Protein backbone atom coordinates (compact mmCIF):
# COMPACT_ATOMS: atom_id res chain seq x y z
CA MET A 1 112.10 77.70 90.00
CA LYS A 2 110.77 75.85 93.38
CA GLY A 3 108.26 76.90 95.69
CA LYS A 4 109.80 81.02 96.33
CA THR A 5 107.33 83.23 97.47
CA THR A 6 107.01 86.93 98.57
CA SER A 7 107.28 87.20 102.39
CA PRO A 8 104.16 88.78 104.46
CA LYS A 9 106.88 91.54 105.13
CA ALA A 10 108.07 92.07 101.62
CA ALA A 11 104.24 91.86 100.18
CA THR A 12 103.24 94.69 102.51
CA ALA A 13 106.37 97.09 101.20
CA ALA A 14 105.16 95.75 97.70
CA ALA A 15 101.23 97.14 98.48
CA LYS A 16 102.61 100.67 99.92
CA VAL A 17 104.64 100.95 96.62
CA LEU A 18 102.28 100.79 94.75
CA ASN A 19 99.87 103.25 96.40
CA SER A 20 102.44 106.12 96.58
CA SER A 21 101.58 108.73 93.86
CA SER A 22 105.17 109.60 94.04
CA THR A 23 106.91 106.34 93.08
CA GLY A 24 108.41 105.82 89.87
CA HIS A 25 107.55 103.10 87.06
CA ALA A 26 110.11 100.86 87.93
CA SER A 27 109.53 100.58 91.46
CA LYS A 28 105.81 100.02 90.75
CA THR A 29 106.59 97.52 87.94
CA ALA A 30 109.30 95.46 90.87
CA ALA A 31 106.22 96.04 93.35
CA ALA A 32 103.65 94.48 91.32
CA SER A 33 105.85 91.42 90.48
CA ALA A 34 106.87 91.05 94.02
CA LEU A 35 102.80 91.08 94.84
CA THR A 36 101.91 88.69 92.51
CA GLN A 37 103.97 86.05 93.88
CA THR A 38 102.81 86.11 97.41
CA ARG A 39 100.94 82.78 97.11
CA SER A 40 102.06 81.85 93.68
CA PRO A 41 105.34 79.54 93.95
CA LYS A 42 104.79 78.56 90.22
CA GLU A 43 105.32 82.30 89.18
CA SER A 44 108.59 83.68 88.41
CA THR A 45 109.71 86.96 88.00
CA SER A 46 109.64 88.50 84.08
CA PRO A 47 112.68 89.55 82.35
CA ARG A 48 111.57 93.14 82.56
CA ALA A 49 110.39 93.08 85.92
CA ALA A 50 113.95 91.73 86.91
CA THR A 51 115.83 94.43 84.78
CA ALA A 52 113.30 97.28 86.33
CA ALA A 53 114.09 95.52 90.16
CA SER A 54 117.79 95.94 89.16
CA GLN A 55 117.27 99.41 88.33
CA VAL A 56 115.85 100.18 91.63
CA LEU A 57 118.07 98.47 93.97
CA ARG A 58 120.85 100.42 92.33
CA ASP A 59 118.94 103.58 92.36
CA GLY A 60 120.08 105.43 95.84
CA ARG A 61 116.89 107.46 95.90
CA THR A 62 114.32 104.83 96.09
CA SER A 63 113.04 103.76 99.51
CA ALA A 64 113.60 100.93 101.63
CA ALA A 65 109.89 99.56 100.82
CA SER A 66 110.75 100.15 97.01
CA LYS A 67 113.96 98.25 97.78
CA SER A 68 112.55 95.67 99.75
CA ALA A 69 109.78 95.04 97.04
CA ALA A 70 112.63 95.14 94.09
CA GLY A 71 114.69 92.37 96.13
CA SER A 72 111.94 90.03 96.69
CA ALA A 73 110.91 90.28 92.97
CA LEU A 74 114.58 89.84 91.87
CA SER A 75 115.08 86.76 93.88
CA GLN A 76 112.27 85.16 92.37
CA ALA A 77 113.65 85.85 88.59
CA ARG A 78 114.32 82.80 86.74
CA SER A 79 118.59 82.57 86.40
CA LYS A 80 120.19 82.94 83.30
CA LYS A 81 121.80 79.63 82.91
């Protein structure tokens, strides 16, 4: 993994997700992972957080902010090579 970090726009979306009381557990897990990687290029998304991010992206009921944070977290997951 080389140098990927969460963009400021995705970090803002992740913060909104974490502050929302109506957001589900999977969305908050993905958002927390994305927010952790805001300034840490050596960090990568855990398999558990990657699974949560995948669930968020597949769920049609999630908000744009949740999907943005989940996409950022998933893009920083280690590949299964």
